[in-house]
Amino acid sequence: MDTERQRVFALLDNHSQQAASSEYDVSVCVLAVSRARDAVRKIADDVPAEQFRDAARKCIASLVDGYRDEDGQFTSGRSILVPILEDLYREP
């Protein structure tokens, strides 16, 4: 796994830990991060490292646009996905 992929998955791991310790709708939060990870895993292996983060951004942005988990009392899960997308733009 190239370094950029590792960075993106480390970022997802961090968000997964945050979701697991959420005070509200833990299962909704964890599921949202899990869906984000699944979407990123579907990025083709032959995507060059320098294009991987952009591909991950597109995957997460697409997920954010249509995401709504009706099981949440306080969140739909979308509020968990937006910070992931923000971090993908923030981090090098």
C-alpha atoms as a PDB file:
ATOM      1  CA  MET A   1       0.000   0.000   0.000  1.00  0.00           C
ATOM      2  CA  ASP A   2       1.468   3.374  -0.988  1.00  0.00           C
ATOM      3  CA  THR A   3       2.002   6.169   1.510  1.00  0.00           C
ATOM      4  CA  GLU A   4      -0.954   8.284   0.364  1.00  0.00           C
ATOM      5  CA  ARG A   5      -3.340   5.361   0.751  1.00  0.00           C
ATOM      6  CA  GLN A   6      -1.908   4.733   4.193  1.00  0.00           C
ATOM      7  CA  ARG A   7      -2.463   8.374   5.163  1.00  0.00           C
ATOM      8  CA  VAL A   8      -6.074   8.302   4.002  1.00  0.00           C
ATOM      9  CA  PHE A   9      -6.807   5.062   5.839  1.00  0.00           C
ATOM     10  CA  ALA A  10      -5.069   6.401   8.968  1.00  0.00           C
ATOM     11  CA  LEU A  11      -7.350   9.435   8.761  1.00  0.00           C
ATOM     12  CA  LEU A  12     -10.352   7.096   8.509  1.00  0.00           C
ATOM     13  CA  ASP A  13      -9.049   5.114  11.497  1.00  0.00           C
ATOM     14  CA  ASN A  14      -8.898   8.327  13.505  1.00  0.00           C
ATOM     15  CA  HIS A  15     -12.480   9.207  12.575  1.00  0.00           C
ATOM     16  CA  SER A  16     -13.545   5.666  13.402  1.00  0.00           C
ATOM     17  CA  GLN A  17     -12.154   6.038  16.920  1.00  0.00           C
ATOM     18  CA  GLN A  18     -13.921   9.380  17.306  1.00  0.00           C
ATOM     19  CA  ALA A  19     -17.186   7.854  16.092  1.00  0.00           C
ATOM     20  CA  ALA A  20     -16.886   4.999  18.569  1.00  0.00           C
ATOM     21  CA  SER A  21     -16.560   7.464  21.428  1.00  0.00           C
ATOM     22  CA  SER A  22     -19.389   9.725  20.280  1.00  0.00           C
ATOM     23  CA  GLU A  23     -21.911  10.759  22.910  1.00  0.00           C
ATOM     24  CA  TYR A  24     -24.767  10.548  20.409  1.00  0.00           C
ATOM     25  CA  ASP A  25     -25.933   7.740  18.137  1.00  0.00           C
ATOM     26  CA  VAL A  26     -22.718   5.732  18.307  1.00  0.00           C
ATOM     27  CA  SER A  27     -23.967   3.020  15.955  1.00  0.00           C
ATOM     28  CA  VAL A  28     -24.990   5.616  13.346  1.00  0.00           C
ATOM     29  CA  CYS A  29     -21.601   7.329  13.626  1.00  0.00           C
ATOM     30  CA  VAL A  30     -19.628   4.103  13.375  1.00  0.00           C
ATOM     31  CA  LEU A  31     -21.690   2.950  10.398  1.00  0.00           C
ATOM     32  CA  ALA A  32     -21.116   6.252   8.578  1.00  0.00           C
ATOM     33  CA  VAL A  33     -17.336   5.944   8.936  1.00  0.00           C
ATOM     34  CA  SER A  34     -17.540   2.299   7.916  1.00  0.00           C
ATOM     35  CA  ARG A  35     -19.415   3.257   4.753  1.00  0.00           C
ATOM     36  CA  ALA A  36     -16.795   5.915   4.034  1.00  0.00           C
ATOM     37  CA  ARG A  37     -14.041   3.327   4.420  1.00  0.00           C
ATOM     38  CA  ASP A  38     -15.885   0.908   2.130  1.00  0.00           C
ATOM     39  CA  ALA A  39     -16.259   3.621  -0.513  1.00  0.00           C
ATOM     40  CA  VAL A  40     -12.542   4.441  -0.373  1.00  0.00           C
ATOM     41  CA  ARG A  41     -11.597   0.761  -0.525  1.00  0.00           C
ATOM     42  CA  LYS A  42     -13.411   0.539  -3.862  1.00  0.00           C
ATOM     43  CA  ILE A  43     -10.922   2.932  -5.455  1.00  0.00           C
ATOM     44  CA  ALA A  44      -8.997   0.949  -8.038  1.00  0.00           C
ATOM     45  CA  ASP A  45      -5.555  -0.269  -7.016  1.00  0.00           C
ATOM     46  CA  ASP A  46      -4.035   1.212 -10.146  1.00  0.00           C
ATOM     47  CA  VAL A  47      -4.903   4.808  -9.183  1.00  0.00           C
ATOM     48  CA  PRO A  48      -1.528   6.547  -8.768  1.00  0.00           C
ATOM     49  CA  ALA A  49      -0.602   7.711  -5.264  1.00  0.00           C
ATOM     50  CA  GLU A  50      -0.695  11.378  -6.292  1.00  0.00           C
ATOM     51  CA  GLN A  51      -4.323  10.960  -7.423  1.00  0.00           C
ATOM     52  CA  PHE A  52      -5.553   8.779  -4.580  1.00  0.00           C
ATOM     53  CA  ARG A  53      -6.508  11.566  -2.162  1.00  0.00           C
ATOM     54  CA  ASP A  54      -8.515  13.315  -4.882  1.00  0.00           C
ATOM     55  CA  ALA A  55     -10.278  10.036  -5.685  1.00  0.00           C
ATOM     56  CA  ALA A  56     -11.034   9.569  -1.970  1.00  0.00           C
ATOM     57  CA  ARG A  57     -12.437  13.110  -1.776  1.00  0.00           C
ATOM     58  CA  LYS A  58     -14.760  12.380  -4.681  1.00  0.00           C
ATOM     59  CA  CYS A  59     -15.949   9.132  -3.075  1.00  0.00           C
ATOM     60  CA  ILE A  60     -16.687  10.773   0.259  1.00  0.00           C
ATOM     61  CA  ALA A  61     -18.318  13.839  -1.354  1.00  0.00           C
ATOM     62  CA  SER A  62     -20.599  11.559  -3.322  1.00  0.00           C
ATOM     63  CA  LEU A  63     -21.465   9.649  -0.154  1.00  0.00           C
ATOM     64  CA  VAL A  64     -22.166  12.874   1.766  1.00  0.00           C
ATOM     65  CA  ASP A  65     -24.558  14.115  -0.910  1.00  0.00           C
ATOM     66  CA  GLY A  66     -26.968  11.240  -0.509  1.00  0.00           C
ATOM     67  CA  TYR A  67     -26.293   9.940   2.994  1.00  0.00           C
ATOM     68  CA  ARG A  68     -29.047   9.719   5.564  1.00  0.00           C
ATOM     69  CA  ASP A  69     -29.326   7.059   8.236  1.00  0.00           C
ATOM     70  CA  GLU A  70     -32.852   7.184   9.629  1.00  0.00           C
ATOM     71  CA  ASP A  71     -31.880   5.200  12.744  1.00  0.00           C
ATOM     72  CA  GLY A  72     -30.212   8.167  14.417  1.00  0.00           C
ATOM     73  CA  GLN A  73     -32.005  10.125  17.081  1.00  0.00           C
ATOM     74  CA  PHE A  74     -29.546  13.045  17.002  1.00  0.00           C
ATOM     75  CA  THR A  75     -27.670  12.598  13.724  1.00  0.00           C
ATOM     76  CA  SER A  76     -28.204  11.125  10.287  1.00  0.00           C
ATOM     77  CA  GLY A  77     -24.526  10.214  10.030  1.00  0.00           C
ATOM     78  CA  ARG A  78     -23.919  12.916   7.468  1.00  0.00           C
ATOM     79  CA  SER A  79     -22.430  15.138  10.180  1.00  0.00           C
ATOM     80  CA  ILE A  80     -19.808  12.432  10.689  1.00  0.00           C
ATOM     81  CA  LEU A  81     -18.886  12.277   6.996  1.00  0.00           C
ATOM     82  CA  VAL A  82     -18.424  16.016   6.449  1.00  0.00           C
ATOM     83  CA  PRO A  83     -15.414  16.286   8.829  1.00  0.00           C
ATOM     84  CA  ILE A  84     -13.783  13.355   7.018  1.00  0.00           C
ATOM     85  CA  LEU A  85     -14.144  15.237   3.753  1.00  0.00           C
ATOM     86  CA  GLU A  86     -12.822  18.410   5.367  1.00  0.00           C
ATOM     87  CA  ASP A  87      -9.774  16.541   6.668  1.00  0.00           C
ATOM     88  CA  LEU A  88      -9.105  15.099   3.234  1.00  0.00           C
ATOM     89  CA  TYR A  89      -8.895  18.663   1.923  1.00  0.00           C
ATOM     90  CA  ARG A  90      -6.945  19.943   4.924  1.00  0.00           C
ATOM     91  CA  GLU A  91      -4.201  17.375   5.186  1.00  0.00           C
ATOM     92  CA  PRO A  92      -1.438  17.195   2.581  1.00  0.00           C
END
